[in-house]
């Protein structure tokens, strides 16, 4: 078993080393198959975490060339996760997505194909991060302002 594959699987899914090794063993060394299985397990756990209350978080911003501005509130369960680089990167990615895609509300945002990876929705991208961080994550609200648009 290649330790580099185990570490890579762990980084991509947020699981422990033992779980990553076990997944690779079950997939008979097929990294892609192991990754898919771990993502399915992680998403199942993420669904369960969705019931937990998220009261911590951050307000993120994004400004595109001084023409489009976004403010977004994304909540998680603890301040510890709110300060985590994975979480702050997620908030930046969501705010950039909002700037690019112009959703009207949170429900529409979650259904949209994610601009950095159109093969997945924003909701799926968030659930992958829930699996990595082990906490519920909720996009609470956002506002998008574009120069010259009436709102």
C-alpha atoms as a PDB file:
ATOM      1  CA  UNK A   1       0.000   0.000   0.000  1.00  0.00           C
ATOM      2  CA  UNK A   2       1.444   3.378  -1.072  1.00  0.00           C
ATOM      3  CA  UNK A   3       1.596   5.895   1.810  1.00  0.00           C
ATOM      4  CA  UNK A   4       1.352   8.786  -0.688  1.00  0.00           C
ATOM      5  CA  UNK A   5      -2.026   7.482  -1.890  1.00  0.00           C
ATOM      6  CA  UNK A   6      -3.226   7.134   1.699  1.00  0.00           C
ATOM      7  CA  UNK A   7      -2.174  10.712   2.514  1.00  0.00           C
ATOM      8  CA  UNK A   8      -3.750  12.049  -0.693  1.00  0.00           C
ATOM      9  CA  UNK A   9      -7.024  10.229  -0.007  1.00  0.00           C
ATOM     10  CA  UNK A  10      -6.998  11.575   3.537  1.00  0.00           C
ATOM     11  CA  UNK A  11      -6.450  15.161   2.327  1.00  0.00           C
ATOM     12  CA  UNK A  12      -9.214  14.966  -0.263  1.00  0.00           C
ATOM     13  CA  UNK A  13     -11.825  13.436   2.029  1.00  0.00           C
ATOM     14  CA  UNK A  14     -10.891  14.572   5.526  1.00  0.00           C
ATOM     15  CA  UNK A  15     -10.923  11.018   6.926  1.00  0.00           C
ATOM     16  CA  UNK A  16      -8.343   9.506   9.243  1.00  0.00           C
ATOM     17  CA  UNK A  17      -5.324   7.541   8.041  1.00  0.00           C
ATOM     18  CA  UNK A  18      -6.834   4.231   9.136  1.00  0.00           C
ATOM     19  CA  UNK A  19     -10.056   4.876   7.196  1.00  0.00           C
ATOM     20  CA  UNK A  20      -8.119   5.978   4.111  1.00  0.00           C
ATOM     21  CA  UNK A  21      -5.951   2.851   4.220  1.00  0.00           C
ATOM     22  CA  UNK A  22      -9.008   0.636   4.693  1.00  0.00           C
ATOM     23  CA  UNK A  23     -10.780   2.269   1.742  1.00  0.00           C
ATOM     24  CA  UNK A  24      -7.779   1.675  -0.503  1.00  0.00           C
ATOM     25  CA  UNK A  25      -7.556  -1.940   0.627  1.00  0.00           C
ATOM     26  CA  UNK A  26     -11.274  -2.475  -0.082  1.00  0.00           C
ATOM     27  CA  UNK A  27     -10.816  -0.895  -3.527  1.00  0.00           C
ATOM     28  CA  UNK A  28      -7.824  -3.199  -4.174  1.00  0.00           C
ATOM     29  CA  UNK A  29      -5.519  -0.196  -4.608  1.00  0.00           C
ATOM     30  CA  UNK A  30      -7.788   1.620  -7.112  1.00  0.00           C
ATOM     31  CA  UNK A  31      -7.441   5.215  -5.904  1.00  0.00           C
ATOM     32  CA  UNK A  32     -10.409   6.597  -7.854  1.00  0.00           C
ATOM     33  CA  UNK A  33     -12.710   3.840  -6.602  1.00  0.00           C
ATOM     34  CA  UNK A  34     -11.552   4.406  -3.000  1.00  0.00           C
ATOM     35  CA  UNK A  35     -12.076   8.165  -3.358  1.00  0.00           C
ATOM     36  CA  UNK A  36     -15.602   7.665  -4.692  1.00  0.00           C
ATOM     37  CA  UNK A  37     -16.476   5.318  -1.814  1.00  0.00           C
ATOM     38  CA  UNK A  38     -15.079   7.734   0.782  1.00  0.00           C
ATOM     39  CA  UNK A  39     -16.991  10.633  -0.744  1.00  0.00           C
ATOM     40  CA  UNK A  40     -20.229   8.641  -0.593  1.00  0.00           C
ATOM     41  CA  UNK A  41     -19.610   7.817   3.077  1.00  0.00           C
ATOM     42  CA  UNK A  42     -18.651  11.421   3.793  1.00  0.00           C
ATOM     43  CA  UNK A  43     -21.762  12.784   2.106  1.00  0.00           C
ATOM     44  CA  UNK A  44     -23.930  10.425   4.133  1.00  0.00           C
ATOM     45  CA  UNK A  45     -22.346  11.771   7.316  1.00  0.00           C
ATOM     46  CA  UNK A  46     -22.718  15.318   5.993  1.00  0.00           C
ATOM     47  CA  UNK A  47     -26.447  14.759   5.511  1.00  0.00           C
ATOM     48  CA  UNK A  48     -26.743  13.764   9.190  1.00  0.00           C
ATOM     49  CA  UNK A  49     -24.707  16.788  10.295  1.00  0.00           C
ATOM     50  CA  UNK A  50     -27.139  19.030   8.422  1.00  0.00           C
ATOM     51  CA  UNK A  51     -29.544  18.683  11.327  1.00  0.00           C
ATOM     52  CA  UNK A  52     -27.103  20.244  13.803  1.00  0.00           C
ATOM     53  CA  UNK A  53     -27.314  23.959  14.533  1.00  0.00           C
ATOM     54  CA  UNK A  54     -24.693  26.240  13.028  1.00  0.00           C
ATOM     55  CA  UNK A  55     -24.254  29.472  15.008  1.00  0.00           C
ATOM     56  CA  UNK A  56     -20.579  30.314  14.477  1.00  0.00           C
ATOM     57  CA  UNK A  57     -19.080  31.269  11.123  1.00  0.00           C
ATOM     58  CA  UNK A  58     -17.816  34.252   9.186  1.00  0.00           C
ATOM     59  CA  UNK A  59     -18.984  37.010   6.895  1.00  0.00           C
ATOM     60  CA  UNK A  60     -16.950  36.808   3.716  1.00  0.00           C
ATOM     61  CA  UNK A  61     -16.560  39.381   0.972  1.00  0.00           C
ATOM     62  CA  UNK A  62     -15.457  39.397  -2.626  1.00  0.00           C
ATOM     63  CA  UNK A  63     -14.858  42.347  -4.944  1.00  0.00           C
ATOM     64  CA  UNK A  64     -14.369  41.796  -8.676  1.00  0.00           C
ATOM     65  CA  UNK A  65     -12.541  44.676 -10.382  1.00  0.00           C
ATOM     66  CA  UNK A  66     -14.474  47.242  -8.342  1.00  0.00           C
ATOM     67  CA  UNK A  67     -17.563  46.412 -10.408  1.00  0.00           C
ATOM     68  CA  UNK A  68     -19.153  43.499  -8.527  1.00  0.00           C
ATOM     69  CA  UNK A  69     -19.224  43.106  -4.766  1.00  0.00           C
ATOM     70  CA  UNK A  70     -20.494  40.207  -2.664  1.00  0.00           C
ATOM     71  CA  UNK A  71     -21.075  39.844   1.063  1.00  0.00           C
ATOM     72  CA  UNK A  72     -21.960  36.342   2.294  1.00  0.00           C
ATOM     73  CA  UNK A  73     -22.661  34.894   5.750  1.00  0.00           C
ATOM     74  CA  UNK A  74     -21.653  31.248   6.082  1.00  0.00           C
ATOM     75  CA  UNK A  75     -22.245  29.498   9.384  1.00  0.00           C
ATOM     76  CA  UNK A  76     -20.634  26.484  11.034  1.00  0.00           C
ATOM     77  CA  UNK A  77     -20.890  24.997  14.516  1.00  0.00           C
ATOM     78  CA  UNK A  78     -17.723  26.271  16.225  1.00  0.00           C
ATOM     79  CA  UNK A  79     -15.295  29.207  16.140  1.00  0.00           C
ATOM     80  CA  UNK A  80     -12.507  26.649  15.753  1.00  0.00           C
ATOM     81  CA  UNK A  81     -13.827  25.625  12.322  1.00  0.00           C
ATOM     82  CA  UNK A  82     -14.728  29.226  11.427  1.00  0.00           C
ATOM     83  CA  UNK A  83     -11.008  30.072  11.687  1.00  0.00           C
ATOM     84  CA  UNK A  84      -9.920  26.960   9.750  1.00  0.00           C
ATOM     85  CA  UNK A  85      -8.299  27.572   6.357  1.00  0.00           C
ATOM     86  CA  UNK A  86     -10.545  25.000   4.646  1.00  0.00           C
ATOM     87  CA  UNK A  87     -13.638  26.860   5.900  1.00  0.00           C
ATOM     88  CA  UNK A  88     -12.333  30.337   5.003  1.00  0.00           C
ATOM     89  CA  UNK A  89     -11.406  29.090   1.512  1.00  0.00           C
ATOM     90  CA  UNK A  90     -14.918  27.660   1.155  1.00  0.00           C
ATOM     91  CA  UNK A  91     -16.436  31.044   2.041  1.00  0.00           C
ATOM     92  CA  UNK A  92     -14.173  32.778  -0.524  1.00  0.00           C
ATOM     93  CA  UNK A  93     -15.170  30.235  -3.178  1.00  0.00           C
ATOM     94  CA  UNK A  94     -18.869  30.703  -2.437  1.00  0.00           C
ATOM     95  CA  UNK A  95     -18.582  34.501  -2.632  1.00  0.00           C
ATOM     96  CA  UNK A  96     -16.724  34.268  -5.973  1.00  0.00           C
ATOM     97  CA  UNK A  97     -19.404  31.872  -7.249  1.00  0.00           C
ATOM     98  CA  UNK A  98     -22.128  34.346  -6.256  1.00  0.00           C
ATOM     99  CA  UNK A  99     -20.310  37.157  -8.090  1.00  0.00           C
ATOM    100  CA  UNK A 100     -20.065  35.046 -11.238  1.00  0.00           C
ATOM    101  CA  UNK A 101     -23.475  33.377 -11.243  1.00  0.00           C
ATOM    102  CA  UNK A 102     -25.945  35.969  -9.913  1.00  0.00           C
ATOM    103  CA  UNK A 103     -28.266  33.701  -7.847  1.00  0.00           C
ATOM    104  CA  UNK A 104     -31.354  35.397  -6.350  1.00  0.00           C
ATOM    105  CA  UNK A 105     -31.536  33.378  -3.141  1.00  0.00           C
ATOM    106  CA  UNK A 106     -29.789  30.656  -1.142  1.00  0.00           C
ATOM    107  CA  UNK A 107     -31.997  27.845  -2.507  1.00  0.00           C
ATOM    108  CA  UNK A 108     -31.153  28.798  -6.103  1.00  0.00           C
ATOM    109  CA  UNK A 109     -27.451  29.155  -5.204  1.00  0.00           C
ATOM    110  CA  UNK A 110     -27.264  25.626  -3.803  1.00  0.00           C
ATOM    111  CA  UNK A 111     -28.762  24.094  -6.964  1.00  0.00           C
ATOM    112  CA  UNK A 112     -26.400  25.853  -9.376  1.00  0.00           C
ATOM    113  CA  UNK A 113     -23.450  24.085 -10.997  1.00  0.00           C
ATOM    114  CA  UNK A 114     -20.372  25.226  -9.073  1.00  0.00           C
ATOM    115  CA  UNK A 115     -18.351  27.612 -11.285  1.00  0.00           C
ATOM    116  CA  UNK A 116     -14.969  26.035 -10.444  1.00  0.00           C
ATOM    117  CA  UNK A 117     -16.308  22.516 -11.125  1.00  0.00           C
ATOM    118  CA  UNK A 118     -19.557  22.489 -13.173  1.00  0.00           C
ATOM    119  CA  UNK A 119     -19.851  18.712 -12.697  1.00  0.00           C
ATOM    120  CA  UNK A 120     -21.022  19.332  -9.117  1.00  0.00           C
ATOM    121  CA  UNK A 121     -23.555  21.677  -7.554  1.00  0.00           C
ATOM    122  CA  UNK A 122     -22.680  24.290  -4.936  1.00  0.00           C
ATOM    123  CA  UNK A 123     -24.621  22.146  -2.447  1.00  0.00           C
ATOM    124  CA  UNK A 124     -22.423  19.112  -3.178  1.00  0.00           C
ATOM    125  CA  UNK A 125     -19.276  21.258  -2.863  1.00  0.00           C
ATOM    126  CA  UNK A 126     -20.458  22.430   0.567  1.00  0.00           C
ATOM    127  CA  UNK A 127     -21.284  18.856   1.636  1.00  0.00           C
ATOM    128  CA  UNK A 128     -17.778  17.731   0.673  1.00  0.00           C
ATOM    129  CA  UNK A 129     -16.442  20.423   3.000  1.00  0.00           C
ATOM    130  CA  UNK A 130     -18.853  19.332   5.734  1.00  0.00           C
ATOM    131  CA  UNK A 131     -17.353  15.865   5.418  1.00  0.00           C
ATOM    132  CA  UNK A 132     -13.806  17.268   5.656  1.00  0.00           C
ATOM    133  CA  UNK A 133     -14.494  19.557   8.622  1.00  0.00           C
ATOM    134  CA  UNK A 134     -16.949  17.380  10.538  1.00  0.00           C
ATOM    135  CA  UNK A 135     -19.428  20.194  11.161  1.00  0.00           C
ATOM    136  CA  UNK A 136     -22.651  21.446   9.657  1.00  0.00           C
ATOM    137  CA  UNK A 137     -22.134  24.370   7.250  1.00  0.00           C
ATOM    138  CA  UNK A 138     -24.952  26.650   6.150  1.00  0.00           C
ATOM    139  CA  UNK A 139     -25.035  29.570   3.720  1.00  0.00           C
ATOM    140  CA  UNK A 140     -27.245  31.887   5.765  1.00  0.00           C
ATOM    141  CA  UNK A 141     -27.581  34.895   3.443  1.00  0.00           C
ATOM    142  CA  UNK A 142     -25.790  36.955   0.827  1.00  0.00           C
ATOM    143  CA  UNK A 143     -25.977  40.189  -1.082  1.00  0.00           C
ATOM    144  CA  UNK A 144     -24.563  40.880  -4.543  1.00  0.00           C
ATOM    145  CA  UNK A 145     -24.121  44.380  -5.894  1.00  0.00           C
ATOM    146  CA  UNK A 146     -23.080  45.137  -9.469  1.00  0.00           C
ATOM    147  CA  UNK A 147     -22.113  48.596 -10.660  1.00  0.00           C
ATOM    148  CA  UNK A 148     -24.925  50.151 -12.685  1.00  0.00           C
ATOM    149  CA  UNK A 149     -27.566  47.566 -11.783  1.00  0.00           C
ATOM    150  CA  UNK A 150     -30.695  48.642  -9.986  1.00  0.00           C
ATOM    151  CA  UNK A 151     -31.527  46.532  -6.995  1.00  0.00           C
END
